[in-house]
Amino acid sequence: MISQNEFIDKLKTTTLYSYKPSHISYESWRKSVTVAYIGMCADLLHVGHLNILRIAKLNAQIVVVGILTDEAISTYKRENTIIPYANRVEMVESIRYVDLVIEQSSLDYVPNLEIVKPDYLIHGSDWKNGIQQKTRQDAIAALAKFSGELIEPEYFKGISTTEIIRKIKSL
């Protein structure tokens, strides 16, 4: 997991930070920009991922994506990922809506939320029920500590990594 200082150092590498006037401290600058956080597997990128990233960029100046590690994914989806973690990071980093990628080492968003302190957490509405319901509740409680907001775009039915895998297996 990334530390608070490592996150700040990475955040300072974003394009937006390079426009910061030299007389403004990091803390003052951070208060003047909006940050969105998205946690995702990105095992098979699809239009649903792009939609979430696009929505994040429409709501925030800086979009930070936490890519779940292979181990984190194995705790709730499937034992093996299709695309290794390092490749998934590289793919997501190349998407124009993304400013920064960090590791998310578990399904629990709280550790990264406490480090990033985003103005917005963006997640599809699919986590309101099922295995991720508790994860959602914990994330909402963490956001409340620093006045962050949850934005939940409607989930794209039939467009998910699980559905894509199912279709491939049926061929």
C-alpha atoms as a PDB file:
ATOM      1  CA  MET A   1       0.000   0.000   0.000  1.00  0.00           C
ATOM      2  CA  ILE A   2       1.136   3.528  -0.754  1.00  0.00           C
ATOM      3  CA  SER A   3       1.933   5.885   2.131  1.00  0.00           C
ATOM      4  CA  GLN A   4       0.551   9.412   2.522  1.00  0.00           C
ATOM      5  CA  ASN A   5       3.941  10.936   1.602  1.00  0.00           C
ATOM      6  CA  GLU A   6       4.354   8.655  -1.422  1.00  0.00           C
ATOM      7  CA  PHE A   7       0.885   9.635  -2.595  1.00  0.00           C
ATOM      8  CA  ILE A   8       1.657  13.351  -2.232  1.00  0.00           C
ATOM      9  CA  ASP A   9       4.921  12.894  -4.144  1.00  0.00           C
ATOM     10  CA  LYS A  10       3.043  11.089  -6.945  1.00  0.00           C
ATOM     11  CA  LEU A  11       0.289  13.701  -6.964  1.00  0.00           C
ATOM     12  CA  LYS A  12       2.909  16.408  -7.435  1.00  0.00           C
ATOM     13  CA  THR A  13       3.875  14.740 -10.731  1.00  0.00           C
ATOM     14  CA  THR A  14       0.462  15.382 -12.278  1.00  0.00           C
ATOM     15  CA  THR A  15       0.198  17.935 -15.060  1.00  0.00           C
ATOM     16  CA  LEU A  16      -2.176  20.117 -13.069  1.00  0.00           C
ATOM     17  CA  TYR A  17       0.340  20.420 -10.221  1.00  0.00           C
ATOM     18  CA  SER A  18       2.994  21.729 -12.604  1.00  0.00           C
ATOM     19  CA  TYR A  19       0.830  24.833 -13.074  1.00  0.00           C
ATOM     20  CA  LYS A  20       0.794  25.553  -9.332  1.00  0.00           C
ATOM     21  CA  PRO A  21       2.300  28.956  -8.497  1.00  0.00           C
ATOM     22  CA  SER A  22       5.538  28.498  -6.566  1.00  0.00           C
ATOM     23  CA  HIS A  23       4.385  30.679  -3.659  1.00  0.00           C
ATOM     24  CA  ILE A  24       1.439  28.367  -2.829  1.00  0.00           C
ATOM     25  CA  SER A  25       2.045  25.427  -0.499  1.00  0.00           C
ATOM     26  CA  TYR A  26       1.022  21.910  -1.419  1.00  0.00           C
ATOM     27  CA  GLU A  27      -1.724  22.032   1.230  1.00  0.00           C
ATOM     28  CA  SER A  28      -3.195  25.251  -0.196  1.00  0.00           C
ATOM     29  CA  TRP A  29      -2.994  23.872  -3.722  1.00  0.00           C
ATOM     30  CA  ARG A  30      -4.716  20.630  -2.691  1.00  0.00           C
ATOM     31  CA  LYS A  31      -7.613  22.626  -1.215  1.00  0.00           C
ATOM     32  CA  SER A  32      -8.039  24.404  -4.556  1.00  0.00           C
ATOM     33  CA  VAL A  33      -8.357  21.290  -6.768  1.00  0.00           C
ATOM     34  CA  THR A  34     -10.960  18.556  -6.864  1.00  0.00           C
ATOM     35  CA  VAL A  35      -9.903  14.919  -6.753  1.00  0.00           C
ATOM     36  CA  ALA A  36     -11.926  11.835  -7.681  1.00  0.00           C
ATOM     37  CA  TYR A  37     -10.980   8.297  -6.662  1.00  0.00           C
ATOM     38  CA  ILE A  38     -11.975   5.113  -8.454  1.00  0.00           C
ATOM     39  CA  GLY A  39     -11.040   1.600  -7.410  1.00  0.00           C
ATOM     40  CA  MET A  40     -11.110  -0.971 -10.182  1.00  0.00           C
ATOM     41  CA  CYS A  41      -9.824  -4.346 -11.279  1.00  0.00           C
ATOM     42  CA  ALA A  42      -9.477  -3.379 -14.950  1.00  0.00           C
ATOM     43  CA  ASP A  43      -8.805  -7.026 -15.748  1.00  0.00           C
ATOM     44  CA  LEU A  44     -10.549  -6.666 -19.095  1.00  0.00           C
ATOM     45  CA  LEU A  45     -11.092  -3.018 -19.970  1.00  0.00           C
ATOM     46  CA  HIS A  46     -14.498  -2.252 -21.438  1.00  0.00           C
ATOM     47  CA  VAL A  47     -16.840   0.649 -22.097  1.00  0.00           C
ATOM     48  CA  GLY A  48     -18.227   0.493 -18.538  1.00  0.00           C
ATOM     49  CA  HIS A  49     -14.754   1.317 -17.194  1.00  0.00           C
ATOM     50  CA  LEU A  50     -14.392   4.183 -19.646  1.00  0.00           C
ATOM     51  CA  ASN A  51     -17.794   5.545 -18.635  1.00  0.00           C
ATOM     52  CA  ILE A  52     -16.824   5.603 -14.940  1.00  0.00           C
ATOM     53  CA  LEU A  53     -13.502   7.293 -15.752  1.00  0.00           C
ATOM     54  CA  ARG A  54     -15.214   9.857 -17.984  1.00  0.00           C
ATOM     55  CA  ILE A  55     -17.722  10.688 -15.230  1.00  0.00           C
ATOM     56  CA  ALA A  56     -14.866  11.088 -12.757  1.00  0.00           C
ATOM     57  CA  LYS A  57     -13.060  13.516 -15.072  1.00  0.00           C
ATOM     58  CA  LEU A  58     -16.253  15.532 -15.549  1.00  0.00           C
ATOM     59  CA  ASN A  59     -16.512  15.940 -11.775  1.00  0.00           C
ATOM     60  CA  ALA A  60     -12.885  16.425 -10.754  1.00  0.00           C
ATOM     61  CA  GLN A  61      -9.685  17.996 -11.973  1.00  0.00           C
ATOM     62  CA  ILE A  62      -7.557  15.040 -10.900  1.00  0.00           C
ATOM     63  CA  VAL A  63      -8.634  11.420 -11.291  1.00  0.00           C
ATOM     64  CA  VAL A  64      -6.820   8.872  -9.139  1.00  0.00           C
ATOM     65  CA  VAL A  65      -7.409   5.185  -9.887  1.00  0.00           C
ATOM     66  CA  GLY A  66      -6.634   2.471  -7.378  1.00  0.00           C
ATOM     67  CA  ILE A  67      -5.939  -0.736  -9.283  1.00  0.00           C
ATOM     68  CA  LEU A  68      -6.746  -3.814  -7.227  1.00  0.00           C
ATOM     69  CA  THR A  69      -3.836  -6.199  -6.915  1.00  0.00           C
ATOM     70  CA  ASP A  70      -4.120  -9.767  -8.171  1.00  0.00           C
ATOM     71  CA  GLU A  71      -4.421 -10.907  -4.537  1.00  0.00           C
ATOM     72  CA  ALA A  72      -7.236  -8.441  -3.832  1.00  0.00           C
ATOM     73  CA  ILE A  73      -9.205  -9.640  -6.852  1.00  0.00           C
ATOM     74  CA  SER A  74      -8.790 -13.267  -5.809  1.00  0.00           C
ATOM     75  CA  THR A  75     -10.597 -12.556  -2.521  1.00  0.00           C
ATOM     76  CA  TYR A  76     -13.925 -11.871  -4.198  1.00  0.00           C
ATOM     77  CA  LYS A  77     -14.005 -12.528  -7.945  1.00  0.00           C
ATOM     78  CA  ARG A  78     -11.849 -15.374  -9.138  1.00  0.00           C
ATOM     79  CA  GLU A  79      -8.605 -17.053  -8.219  1.00  0.00           C
ATOM     80  CA  ASN A  80      -6.559 -15.796 -11.160  1.00  0.00           C
ATOM     81  CA  THR A  81      -6.635 -12.550 -13.065  1.00  0.00           C
ATOM     82  CA  ILE A  82      -6.516 -12.603 -16.825  1.00  0.00           C
ATOM     83  CA  ILE A  83      -4.116  -9.680 -17.092  1.00  0.00           C
ATOM     84  CA  PRO A  84      -1.317  -9.322 -14.490  1.00  0.00           C
ATOM     85  CA  TYR A  85      -1.349  -6.320 -12.162  1.00  0.00           C
ATOM     86  CA  ALA A  86       1.606  -4.488 -13.766  1.00  0.00           C
ATOM     87  CA  ASN A  87      -0.023  -4.684 -17.205  1.00  0.00           C
ATOM     88  CA  ARG A  88      -3.362  -3.481 -15.844  1.00  0.00           C
ATOM     89  CA  VAL A  89      -1.610  -0.490 -14.246  1.00  0.00           C
ATOM     90  CA  GLU A  90       0.094   0.353 -17.536  1.00  0.00           C
ATOM     91  CA  MET A  91      -3.175   0.135 -19.482  1.00  0.00           C
ATOM     92  CA  VAL A  92      -5.099   2.353 -17.076  1.00  0.00           C
ATOM     93  CA  GLU A  93      -2.262   4.892 -16.868  1.00  0.00           C
ATOM     94  CA  SER A  94      -2.536   5.347 -20.635  1.00  0.00           C
ATOM     95  CA  ILE A  95      -6.214   6.377 -20.537  1.00  0.00           C
ATOM     96  CA  ARG A  96      -6.634  10.120 -21.035  1.00  0.00           C
ATOM     97  CA  TYR A  97      -9.111  10.542 -18.169  1.00  0.00           C
ATOM     98  CA  VAL A  98      -6.610   9.174 -15.618  1.00  0.00           C
ATOM     99  CA  ASP A  99      -4.062  11.399 -13.896  1.00  0.00           C
ATOM    100  CA  LEU A 100      -2.596   8.998 -11.373  1.00  0.00           C
ATOM    101  CA  VAL A 101      -2.684   5.252 -10.654  1.00  0.00           C
ATOM    102  CA  ILE A 102      -1.979   3.764  -7.227  1.00  0.00           C
ATOM    103  CA  GLU A 103      -2.212   0.276  -5.766  1.00  0.00           C
ATOM    104  CA  GLN A 104      -5.357  -0.879  -3.990  1.00  0.00           C
ATOM    105  CA  SER A 105      -4.244  -3.931  -2.040  1.00  0.00           C
ATOM    106  CA  SER A 106      -7.663  -5.107  -0.879  1.00  0.00           C
ATOM    107  CA  LEU A 107     -11.334  -4.834  -1.729  1.00  0.00           C
ATOM    108  CA  ASP A 108     -11.569  -2.365   1.183  1.00  0.00           C
ATOM    109  CA  TYR A 109     -11.451   1.202  -0.151  1.00  0.00           C
ATOM    110  CA  VAL A 110     -10.944   2.805   3.266  1.00  0.00           C
ATOM    111  CA  PRO A 111      -7.112   2.693   3.444  1.00  0.00           C
ATOM    112  CA  ASN A 112      -6.764   4.446   0.074  1.00  0.00           C
ATOM    113  CA  LEU A 113      -9.597   6.876   0.804  1.00  0.00           C
ATOM    114  CA  GLU A 114      -7.863   7.926   4.019  1.00  0.00           C
ATOM    115  CA  ILE A 115      -4.667   8.620   2.054  1.00  0.00           C
ATOM    116  CA  VAL A 116      -6.171  10.270  -1.033  1.00  0.00           C
ATOM    117  CA  LYS A 117      -9.015  12.103   0.753  1.00  0.00           C
ATOM    118  CA  PRO A 118     -10.899  12.539  -2.506  1.00  0.00           C
ATOM    119  CA  ASP A 119     -13.693  15.007  -3.005  1.00  0.00           C
ATOM    120  CA  TYR A 120     -15.522  12.252  -4.883  1.00  0.00           C
ATOM    121  CA  LEU A 121     -15.537   8.472  -4.891  1.00  0.00           C
ATOM    122  CA  ILE A 122     -16.937   7.167  -8.158  1.00  0.00           C
ATOM    123  CA  HIS A 123     -18.327   3.636  -8.314  1.00  0.00           C
ATOM    124  CA  GLY A 124     -21.022   1.990 -10.397  1.00  0.00           C
ATOM    125  CA  SER A 125     -24.331   1.351  -8.662  1.00  0.00           C
ATOM    126  CA  ASP A 126     -23.743  -2.429  -8.837  1.00  0.00           C
ATOM    127  CA  TRP A 127     -22.159  -2.464  -5.383  1.00  0.00           C
ATOM    128  CA  LYS A 128     -25.344  -1.447  -3.557  1.00  0.00           C
ATOM    129  CA  ASN A 129     -26.186  -5.137  -3.141  1.00  0.00           C
ATOM    130  CA  GLY A 130     -24.254  -8.367  -2.924  1.00  0.00           C
ATOM    131  CA  ILE A 131     -20.687  -9.047  -1.880  1.00  0.00           C
ATOM    132  CA  GLN A 132     -19.565  -5.405  -2.101  1.00  0.00           C
ATOM    133  CA  GLN A 133     -22.409  -3.945  -0.002  1.00  0.00           C
ATOM    134  CA  LYS A 134     -20.319  -3.809   3.194  1.00  0.00           C
ATOM    135  CA  THR A 135     -17.393  -2.346   1.241  1.00  0.00           C
ATOM    136  CA  ARG A 136     -19.740   0.419   0.063  1.00  0.00           C
ATOM    137  CA  GLN A 137     -20.971   1.173   3.590  1.00  0.00           C
ATOM    138  CA  ASP A 138     -17.400   1.346   4.915  1.00  0.00           C
ATOM    139  CA  ALA A 139     -16.427   3.681   2.060  1.00  0.00           C
ATOM    140  CA  ILE A 140     -19.379   5.988   2.784  1.00  0.00           C
ATOM    141  CA  ALA A 141     -18.359   6.172   6.457  1.00  0.00           C
ATOM    142  CA  ALA A 142     -14.753   6.986   5.489  1.00  0.00           C
ATOM    143  CA  LEU A 143     -15.867   9.700   3.041  1.00  0.00           C
ATOM    144  CA  ALA A 144     -17.942  11.356   5.768  1.00  0.00           C
ATOM    145  CA  LYS A 145     -14.788  11.988   7.815  1.00  0.00           C
ATOM    146  CA  PHE A 146     -13.482  14.491   5.245  1.00  0.00           C
ATOM    147  CA  SER A 147     -16.730  15.546   3.512  1.00  0.00           C
ATOM    148  CA  GLY A 148     -16.148  13.407   0.432  1.00  0.00           C
ATOM    149  CA  GLU A 149     -19.101  12.459  -1.735  1.00  0.00           C
ATOM    150  CA  LEU A 150     -20.082   9.194  -3.409  1.00  0.00           C
ATOM    151  CA  ILE A 151     -21.186   9.357  -7.041  1.00  0.00           C
ATOM    152  CA  GLU A 152     -22.827   6.158  -8.288  1.00  0.00           C
ATOM    153  CA  PRO A 153     -23.549   6.125 -12.010  1.00  0.00           C
ATOM    154  CA  GLU A 154     -26.085   3.548 -13.110  1.00  0.00           C
ATOM    155  CA  TYR A 155     -24.435   0.220 -13.769  1.00  0.00           C
ATOM    156  CA  PHE A 156     -24.242  -0.861 -17.421  1.00  0.00           C
ATOM    157  CA  LYS A 157     -26.228  -4.104 -17.495  1.00  0.00           C
ATOM    158  CA  GLY A 158     -24.501  -6.857 -19.411  1.00  0.00           C
ATOM    159  CA  ILE A 159     -21.207  -4.974 -19.694  1.00  0.00           C
ATOM    160  CA  SER A 160     -18.789  -6.382 -17.165  1.00  0.00           C
ATOM    161  CA  THR A 161     -15.646  -8.443 -17.092  1.00  0.00           C
ATOM    162  CA  THR A 162     -17.670 -11.367 -15.733  1.00  0.00           C
ATOM    163  CA  GLU A 163     -20.154 -11.101 -18.629  1.00  0.00           C
ATOM    164  CA  ILE A 164     -17.332 -10.842 -21.192  1.00  0.00           C
ATOM    165  CA  ILE A 165     -15.676 -13.967 -19.760  1.00  0.00           C
ATOM    166  CA  ARG A 166     -19.015 -15.785 -19.814  1.00  0.00           C
ATOM    167  CA  LYS A 167     -19.521 -14.873 -23.493  1.00  0.00           C
ATOM    168  CA  ILE A 168     -16.005 -15.984 -24.417  1.00  0.00           C
ATOM    169  CA  LYS A 169     -16.486 -19.340 -22.683  1.00  0.00           C
ATOM    170  CA  SER A 170     -19.730 -19.914 -24.564  1.00  0.00           C
ATOM    171  CA  LEU A 171     -18.083 -19.523 -27.984  1.00  0.00           C
END
